[in-house]
Structure formats: structure tokens, C-alpha cells
C-alpha atoms as a PDB file:
ATOM      1  CA  UNK A   1      -5.506  17.533  28.558  1.00  0.00           C
ATOM      2  CA  UNK A   2      -8.994  16.543  27.351  1.00  0.00           C
ATOM      3  CA  UNK A   3      -8.399  15.202  23.831  1.00  0.00           C
ATOM      4  CA  UNK A   4     -11.013  15.898  21.171  1.00  0.00           C
ATOM      5  CA  UNK A   5      -9.054  14.624  18.155  1.00  0.00           C
ATOM      6  CA  UNK A   6      -6.752  11.771  17.200  1.00  0.00           C
ATOM      7  CA  UNK A   7      -4.219  12.855  14.586  1.00  0.00           C
ATOM      8  CA  UNK A   8      -2.429  10.301  12.395  1.00  0.00           C
ATOM      9  CA  UNK A   9       1.109  11.009  11.149  1.00  0.00           C
ATOM     10  CA  UNK A  10       3.922   9.411   9.187  1.00  0.00           C
ATOM     11  CA  UNK A  11       7.550   9.642  10.260  1.00  0.00           C
ATOM     12  CA  UNK A  12       8.432  10.596   6.646  1.00  0.00           C
ATOM     13  CA  UNK A  13      11.508   8.364   6.896  1.00  0.00           C
ATOM     14  CA  UNK A  14      12.336   5.578   4.434  1.00  0.00           C
ATOM     15  CA  UNK A  15      15.303   4.111   6.313  1.00  0.00           C
ATOM     16  CA  UNK A  16      15.590   1.286   8.812  1.00  0.00           C
ATOM     17  CA  UNK A  17      15.401   1.010  12.598  1.00  0.00           C
ATOM     18  CA  UNK A  18      13.325   4.099  13.262  1.00  0.00           C
ATOM     19  CA  UNK A  19      11.379   4.022  16.508  1.00  0.00           C
ATOM     20  CA  UNK A  20      10.173   6.268  19.346  1.00  0.00           C
ATOM     21  CA  UNK A  21      13.707   6.695  20.704  1.00  0.00           C
ATOM     22  CA  UNK A  22      15.005   7.892  17.328  1.00  0.00           C
ATOM     23  CA  UNK A  23      12.125  10.343  16.918  1.00  0.00           C
ATOM     24  CA  UNK A  24      12.721  11.602  20.441  1.00  0.00           C
ATOM     25  CA  UNK A  25      16.302  12.389  19.427  1.00  0.00           C
ATOM     26  CA  UNK A  26      15.096  14.218  16.305  1.00  0.00           C
ATOM     27  CA  UNK A  27      12.669  16.347  18.268  1.00  0.00           C
ATOM     28  CA  UNK A  28      15.152  17.159  21.028  1.00  0.00           C
ATOM     29  CA  UNK A  29      17.576  18.296  18.323  1.00  0.00           C
ATOM     30  CA  UNK A  30      14.919  20.863  17.343  1.00  0.00           C
ATOM     31  CA  UNK A  31      14.980  22.202  20.882  1.00  0.00           C
ATOM     32  CA  UNK A  32      11.783  20.477  21.968  1.00  0.00           C
ATOM     33  CA  UNK A  33      11.420  18.858  25.387  1.00  0.00           C
ATOM     34  CA  UNK A  34      11.149  15.432  23.749  1.00  0.00           C
ATOM     35  CA  UNK A  35       9.111  13.408  21.299  1.00  0.00           C
ATOM     36  CA  UNK A  36       6.008  15.254  20.141  1.00  0.00           C
ATOM     37  CA  UNK A  37       3.832  12.188  19.455  1.00  0.00           C
ATOM     38  CA  UNK A  38       1.973  10.225  22.098  1.00  0.00           C
ATOM     39  CA  UNK A  39       2.334   6.883  20.306  1.00  0.00           C
ATOM     40  CA  UNK A  40       4.602   5.445  17.632  1.00  0.00           C
ATOM     41  CA  UNK A  41       3.762   2.342  15.592  1.00  0.00           C
ATOM     42  CA  UNK A  42       6.736   0.527  14.057  1.00  0.00           C
ATOM     43  CA  UNK A  43       6.895  -0.917  10.547  1.00  0.00           C
ATOM     44  CA  UNK A  44       8.684  -3.960   9.099  1.00  0.00           C
ATOM     45  CA  UNK A  45      12.012  -2.189   8.702  1.00  0.00           C
ATOM     46  CA  UNK A  46      13.312  -2.573  12.242  1.00  0.00           C
ATOM     47  CA  UNK A  47      15.998  -5.172  12.932  1.00  0.00           C
ATOM     48  CA  UNK A  48      15.158  -5.683  16.581  1.00  0.00           C
ATOM     49  CA  UNK A  49      11.454  -4.949  17.023  1.00  0.00           C
ATOM     50  CA  UNK A  50       8.323  -6.421  15.421  1.00  0.00           C
ATOM     51  CA  UNK A  51       6.185  -4.868  12.730  1.00  0.00           C
ATOM     52  CA  UNK A  52       3.151  -3.180  14.310  1.00  0.00           C
ATOM     53  CA  UNK A  53       4.698  -2.703  17.747  1.00  0.00           C
ATOM     54  CA  UNK A  54       3.156   0.268  19.570  1.00  0.00           C
ATOM     55  CA  UNK A  55       5.622   2.370  21.558  1.00  0.00           C
ATOM     56  CA  UNK A  56       4.687   5.136  23.958  1.00  0.00           C
ATOM     57  CA  UNK A  57       5.957   8.653  23.396  1.00  0.00           C
ATOM     58  CA  UNK A  58       4.815  11.758  25.206  1.00  0.00           C
ATOM     59  CA  UNK A  59       2.549  11.027  28.211  1.00  0.00           C
ATOM     60  CA  UNK A  60      -1.101  10.876  27.218  1.00  0.00           C
ATOM     61  CA  UNK A  61      -2.042  13.578  29.755  1.00  0.00           C
ATOM     62  CA  UNK A  62       0.448  16.031  28.249  1.00  0.00           C
ATOM     63  CA  UNK A  63      -0.135  18.249  25.225  1.00  0.00           C
ATOM     64  CA  UNK A  64       1.694  16.964  22.175  1.00  0.00           C
ATOM     65  CA  UNK A  65       3.836  18.746  19.611  1.00  0.00           C
ATOM     66  CA  UNK A  66       2.586  17.281  16.356  1.00  0.00           C
ATOM     67  CA  UNK A  67      -0.311  19.332  14.921  1.00  0.00           C
ATOM     68  CA  UNK A  68      -0.210  23.117  15.282  1.00  0.00           C
ATOM     69  CA  UNK A  69      -3.572  24.520  16.303  1.00  0.00           C
ATOM     70  CA  UNK A  70      -4.867  21.443  18.109  1.00  0.00           C
ATOM     71  CA  UNK A  71      -1.854  20.205  20.066  1.00  0.00           C
ATOM     72  CA  UNK A  72      -3.599  20.987  23.343  1.00  0.00           C
ATOM     73  CA  UNK A  73      -6.646  18.891  22.446  1.00  0.00           C
ATOM     74  CA  UNK A  74      -5.366  16.010  20.365  1.00  0.00           C
ATOM     75  CA  UNK A  75      -3.497  12.713  20.605  1.00  0.00           C
ATOM     76  CA  UNK A  76      -0.746  12.212  18.037  1.00  0.00           C
ATOM     77  CA  UNK A  77      -0.014   8.774  16.594  1.00  0.00           C
ATOM     78  CA  UNK A  78       2.964   8.399  14.263  1.00  0.00           C
ATOM     79  CA  UNK A  79       3.365   5.399  11.968  1.00  0.00           C
ATOM     80  CA  UNK A  80       6.984   4.750  11.018  1.00  0.00           C
ATOM     81  CA  UNK A  81       7.717   4.872   7.298  1.00  0.00           C
ATOM     82  CA  UNK A  82       7.015   7.434   4.597  1.00  0.00           C
ATOM     83  CA  UNK A  83       3.375   7.560   3.573  1.00  0.00           C
ATOM     84  CA  UNK A  84       4.107   9.391   0.333  1.00  0.00           C
ATOM     85  CA  UNK A  85       6.051   6.397  -0.958  1.00  0.00           C
ATOM     86  CA  UNK A  86       4.483   3.399   0.760  1.00  0.00           C
ATOM     87  CA  UNK A  87       1.272   2.707   2.638  1.00  0.00           C
ATOM     88  CA  UNK A  88       1.363   1.510   6.236  1.00  0.00           C
ATOM     89  CA  UNK A  89       1.939  -2.231   6.676  1.00  0.00           C
ATOM     90  CA  UNK A  90      -0.924  -4.579   7.517  1.00  0.00           C
ATOM     91  CA  UNK A  91       0.467  -4.985  11.026  1.00  0.00           C
ATOM     92  CA  UNK A  92       0.652  -1.219  11.439  1.00  0.00           C
ATOM     93  CA  UNK A  93      -2.962  -0.882  10.389  1.00  0.00           C
ATOM     94  CA  UNK A  94      -4.065  -3.560  12.843  1.00  0.00           C
ATOM     95  CA  UNK A  95      -2.267  -1.809  15.690  1.00  0.00           C
ATOM     96  CA  UNK A  96      -3.422   1.628  14.559  1.00  0.00           C
ATOM     97  CA  UNK A  97      -7.068   0.598  14.367  1.00  0.00           C
ATOM     98  CA  UNK A  98      -6.851  -1.078  17.773  1.00  0.00           C
ATOM     99  CA  UNK A  99      -5.265   2.013  19.324  1.00  0.00           C
ATOM    100  CA  UNK A 100      -7.800   4.353  17.712  1.00  0.00           C
ATOM    101  CA  UNK A 101     -10.659   2.220  19.037  1.00  0.00           C
ATOM    102  CA  UNK A 102      -9.165   2.172  22.526  1.00  0.00           C
ATOM    103  CA  UNK A 103      -8.492   5.914  22.664  1.00  0.00           C
ATOM    104  CA  UNK A 104     -11.761   6.957  21.055  1.00  0.00           C
ATOM    105  CA  UNK A 105     -13.640   4.844  23.565  1.00  0.00           C
ATOM    106  CA  UNK A 106     -11.631   6.125  26.514  1.00  0.00           C
ATOM    107  CA  UNK A 107     -12.046   9.790  25.603  1.00  0.00           C
ATOM    108  CA  UNK A 108     -15.359   9.686  23.681  1.00  0.00           C
ATOM    109  CA  UNK A 109     -13.746  10.902  20.453  1.00  0.00           C
ATOM    110  CA  UNK A 110     -16.103  10.551  17.449  1.00  0.00           C
ATOM    111  CA  UNK A 111     -14.841   8.853  14.311  1.00  0.00           C
ATOM    112  CA  UNK A 112     -14.987  12.101  12.314  1.00  0.00           C
ATOM    113  CA  UNK A 113     -12.414  13.544  14.711  1.00  0.00           C
ATOM    114  CA  UNK A 114      -9.886  10.887  13.747  1.00  0.00           C
ATOM    115  CA  UNK A 115      -7.917  12.821  11.146  1.00  0.00           C
ATOM    116  CA  UNK A 116      -4.656  12.814   9.267  1.00  0.00           C
ATOM    117  CA  UNK A 117      -2.298  15.731   9.817  1.00  0.00           C
ATOM    118  CA  UNK A 118      -3.115  17.127   6.359  1.00  0.00           C
ATOM    119  CA  UNK A 119      -6.792  17.282   7.301  1.00  0.00           C
ATOM    120  CA  UNK A 120      -6.025  20.170   9.629  1.00  0.00           C
ATOM    121  CA  UNK A 121      -6.793  22.177   6.483  1.00  0.00           C
ATOM    122  CA  UNK A 122     -10.364  20.882   6.512  1.00  0.00           C
ATOM    123  CA  UNK A 123     -10.797  22.265  10.032  1.00  0.00           C
ATOM    124  CA  UNK A 124      -9.481  25.602   8.756  1.00  0.00           C
ATOM    125  CA  UNK A 125     -11.916  25.568   5.821  1.00  0.00           C
ATOM    126  CA  UNK A 126     -14.736  24.824   8.277  1.00  0.00           C
ATOM    127  CA  UNK A 127     -13.742  27.794  10.412  1.00  0.00           C
ATOM    128  CA  UNK A 128     -12.704  25.633  13.357  1.00  0.00           C
ATOM    129  CA  UNK A 129      -9.075  26.807  13.172  1.00  0.00           C
ATOM    130  CA  UNK A 130      -7.328  29.961  12.047  1.00  0.00           C
ATOM    131  CA  UNK A 131      -5.719  30.193   8.603  1.00  0.00           C
ATOM    132  CA  UNK A 132      -2.439  30.531  10.506  1.00  0.00           C
ATOM    133  CA  UNK A 133      -2.344  26.767  10.958  1.00  0.00           C
ATOM    134  CA  UNK A 134      -2.748  25.740   7.311  1.00  0.00           C
ATOM    135  CA  UNK A 135      -0.223  23.086   6.300  1.00  0.00           C
ATOM    136  CA  UNK A 136       1.355  22.140   2.974  1.00  0.00           C
ATOM    137  CA  UNK A 137       2.175  18.662   4.257  1.00  0.00           C
ATOM    138  CA  UNK A 138       0.612  15.530   2.795  1.00  0.00           C
ATOM    139  CA  UNK A 139       1.095  13.753   6.154  1.00  0.00           C
ATOM    140  CA  UNK A 140       0.399  10.941   6.855  1.00  0.00           C
ATOM    141  CA  UNK A 141       1.135  10.525   3.157  1.00  0.00           C
ATOM    142  CA  UNK A 142      -0.560  10.339  -0.215  1.00  0.00           C
ATOM    143  CA  UNK A 143      -0.553   6.537  -0.053  1.00  0.00           C
ATOM    144  CA  UNK A 144      -2.676   6.583   3.112  1.00  0.00           C
ATOM    145  CA  UNK A 145      -6.446   6.591   2.494  1.00  0.00           C
ATOM    146  CA  UNK A 146      -7.870   8.250   5.588  1.00  0.00           C
ATOM    147  CA  UNK A 147     -11.513   7.710   4.623  1.00  0.00           C
ATOM    148  CA  UNK A 148     -10.811   3.985   4.268  1.00  0.00           C
ATOM    149  CA  UNK A 149      -9.094   3.993   7.662  1.00  0.00           C
ATOM    150  CA  UNK A 150     -12.115   5.578   9.326  1.00  0.00           C
ATOM    151  CA  UNK A 151     -14.408   3.090   7.591  1.00  0.00           C
ATOM    152  CA  UNK A 152     -12.311   0.199   8.888  1.00  0.00           C
ATOM    153  CA  UNK A 153     -12.464   1.560  12.434  1.00  0.00           C
ATOM    154  CA  UNK A 154     -16.236   1.993  12.182  1.00  0.00           C
ATOM    155  CA  UNK A 155     -16.637  -1.495  10.696  1.00  0.00           C
ATOM    156  CA  UNK A 156     -14.567  -3.084  13.436  1.00  0.00           C
ATOM    157  CA  UNK A 157     -16.651  -1.250  16.050  1.00  0.00           C
ATOM    158  CA  UNK A 158     -19.729  -3.076  14.787  1.00  0.00           C
ATOM    159  CA  UNK A 159     -17.935  -6.437  14.804  1.00  0.00           C
ATOM    160  CA  UNK A 160     -16.463  -5.821  18.241  1.00  0.00           C
ATOM    161  CA  UNK A 161     -19.890  -5.160  19.762  1.00  0.00           C
ATOM    162  CA  UNK A 162     -21.052  -8.643  18.782  1.00  0.00           C
ATOM    163  CA  UNK A 163     -17.763 -10.238  19.782  1.00  0.00           C
ATOM    164  CA  UNK A 164     -17.764  -8.710  23.256  1.00  0.00           C
ATOM    165  CA  UNK A 165     -21.327  -9.866  23.931  1.00  0.00           C
ATOM    166  CA  UNK A 166     -20.438 -13.410  22.893  1.00  0.00           C
ATOM    167  CA  UNK A 167     -17.403 -13.336  25.184  1.00  0.00           C
ATOM    168  CA  UNK A 168     -19.458 -12.075  28.106  1.00  0.00           C
ATOM    169  CA  UNK A 169     -22.000 -14.848  27.635  1.00  0.00           C
ATOM    170  CA  UNK A 170     -19.284 -17.487  27.452  1.00  0.00           C
ATOM    171  CA  UNK A 171     -17.598 -16.268  30.630  1.00  0.00           C
ATOM    172  CA  UNK A 172     -20.940 -16.147  32.452  1.00  0.00           C
ATOM    173  CA  UNK A 173     -21.428 -19.830  31.583  1.00  0.00           C
ATOM    174  CA  UNK A 174     -17.941 -20.641  32.887  1.00  0.00           C
ATOM    175  CA  UNK A 175     -18.557 -18.722  36.129  1.00  0.00           C
ATOM    176  CA  UNK A 176     -21.891 -20.453  36.675  1.00  0.00           C
ATOM    177  CA  UNK A 177     -20.487 -23.921  36.012  1.00  0.00           C
ATOM    178  CA  UNK A 178     -16.936 -23.656  37.285  1.00  0.00           C
ATOM    179  CA  UNK A 179     -17.619 -26.120  40.129  1.00  0.00           C
ATOM    180  CA  UNK A 180     -17.883 -28.822  37.462  1.00  0.00           C
ATOM    181  CA  UNK A 181     -14.257 -28.303  36.445  1.00  0.00           C
ATOM    182  CA  UNK A 182     -12.757 -29.806  39.604  1.00  0.00           C
ATOM    183  CA  UNK A 183      -9.065 -29.029  39.834  1.00  0.00           C
ATOM    184  CA  UNK A 184      -9.257 -26.277  37.189  1.00  0.00           C
ATOM    185  CA  UNK A 185     -11.304 -23.837  39.282  1.00  0.00           C
ATOM    186  CA  UNK A 186      -8.332 -21.715  40.344  1.00  0.00           C
ATOM    187  CA  UNK A 187      -7.135 -21.410  36.756  1.00  0.00           C
ATOM    188  CA  UNK A 188     -10.620 -20.451  35.580  1.00  0.00           C
ATOM    189  CA  UNK A 189     -10.895 -17.719  38.204  1.00  0.00           C
ATOM    190  CA  UNK A 190      -7.433 -16.468  37.287  1.00  0.00           C
ATOM    191  CA  UNK A 191      -8.595 -16.184  33.676  1.00  0.00           C
ATOM    192  CA  UNK A 192     -11.952 -14.574  34.439  1.00  0.00           C
ATOM    193  CA  UNK A 193     -10.363 -11.907  36.624  1.00  0.00           C
ATOM    194  CA  UNK A 194      -7.262 -11.399  34.508  1.00  0.00           C
ATOM    195  CA  UNK A 195      -6.626  -7.658  33.924  1.00  0.00           C
ATOM    196  CA  UNK A 196      -6.905  -8.071  30.126  1.00  0.00           C
ATOM    197  CA  UNK A 197     -10.319  -9.726  30.433  1.00  0.00           C
ATOM    198  CA  UNK A 198     -11.513  -7.048  32.846  1.00  0.00           C
ATOM    199  CA  UNK A 199     -10.167  -4.295  30.580  1.00  0.00           C
ATOM    200  CA  UNK A 200     -11.974  -5.737  27.568  1.00  0.00           C
ATOM    201  CA  UNK A 201     -15.303  -6.482  29.193  1.00  0.00           C
ATOM    202  CA  UNK A 202     -15.230  -4.201  32.229  1.00  0.00           C
ATOM    203  CA  UNK A 203     -18.227  -4.012  34.547  1.00  0.00           C
ATOM    204  CA  UNK A 204     -20.469  -5.332  31.771  1.00  0.00           C
ATOM    205  CA  UNK A 205     -19.284  -8.888  32.536  1.00  0.00           C
END
């Protein structure tokens, strides 16, 4: 699958302890092969897992079952809760924005292609999709401001560009001067070549 869109959803569930496993059970009960979303972001109503935790659902290279008409070319992210009654938590937004940034960078998805499920109707109005796929759903919920979400992602992109450059410069200084740190050289190298550092800065380091 070559994703062109990221589609944001709500679980439309106001109860406690909902997570990817629970949604998988719901979707299997419908006769599906398993959970239709690629990622699930938990809220603050789980007794055993933290607010904002990102759980994996359907494999990213497999078409989802979350947005009729673009399942074969979209990544589905579901935020636990019910967006018609309550907005996503701050922790959910932090995780959601981080995941959107990561996926959009990985697959070159433009910010205008980050949409809520209800915005499928905009694609229909634009002639991108058939009228067959029009939805009556408010998903991810009337409390969720999708324009504000996209603005936050775009704003964080600008901040991240500066932040990454500052980090690269700092690590270059450490690499150049690591011989001055005596017994800490091994620890410095372990940090510089840690997978998370490489993932963040990549070959640009």
C-alpha cells in the first residue's frame, strides 16, 4: 500500500479501558479479519495504560478498514474516546501530532491530506471520490477541530526544523571533541549512534 492520506477517527466510546485489543474484538465481531485502524491512541480512561499511548493495529503495509473509498490508500488513526462529547486529551494530541509528522514524512503525505473521517465528504464534493462513499458521521467528532489540528502539525514542523539543526550541531561538537571526555567516550558514542538519535537526525548528522 502506498498511502496518500492520513485519516483521523474517534472510537465513539465513552467508557473505560478501551484500547486496540478491544477494538480488534469489535471489528472481528463484524466479520472483519481484525482491527481496521493502523494505530490507536489511548485516552485517560484506561486503568492500566497511560494517556497518549500509541498502540499498533493493522500492519502499516496492509489496507485498512476505516474509511470507505480510500482504504487502499490511507492510514487510519483512531483516538479513544467520543469526539462528539469530549475533545481528545492533551496527551492524545501530542501523540497524534507526533505520529502524523512521522507518517507524513515517511510517505510524503501533504498536510492537506491529513483529514478527519467526516472530511471524506469534501473529497466527494471535489470529485475525487464517488457519491457512493458519502458519510453521515461526524467522526472524529464535533469537538475535534481538524483545521486547528493541521495548523498545529504545520507549526510544529517549522519548530522541528530549527530543533533538529541545533541538535545536529551539538552532536557534531561532541563528536569532534569526544577525546576530551576521557572515560566517557564509550558512553558518548553509544548516545551518538543510538537508534533513536539516528532515526531523528538520519544521514543529515
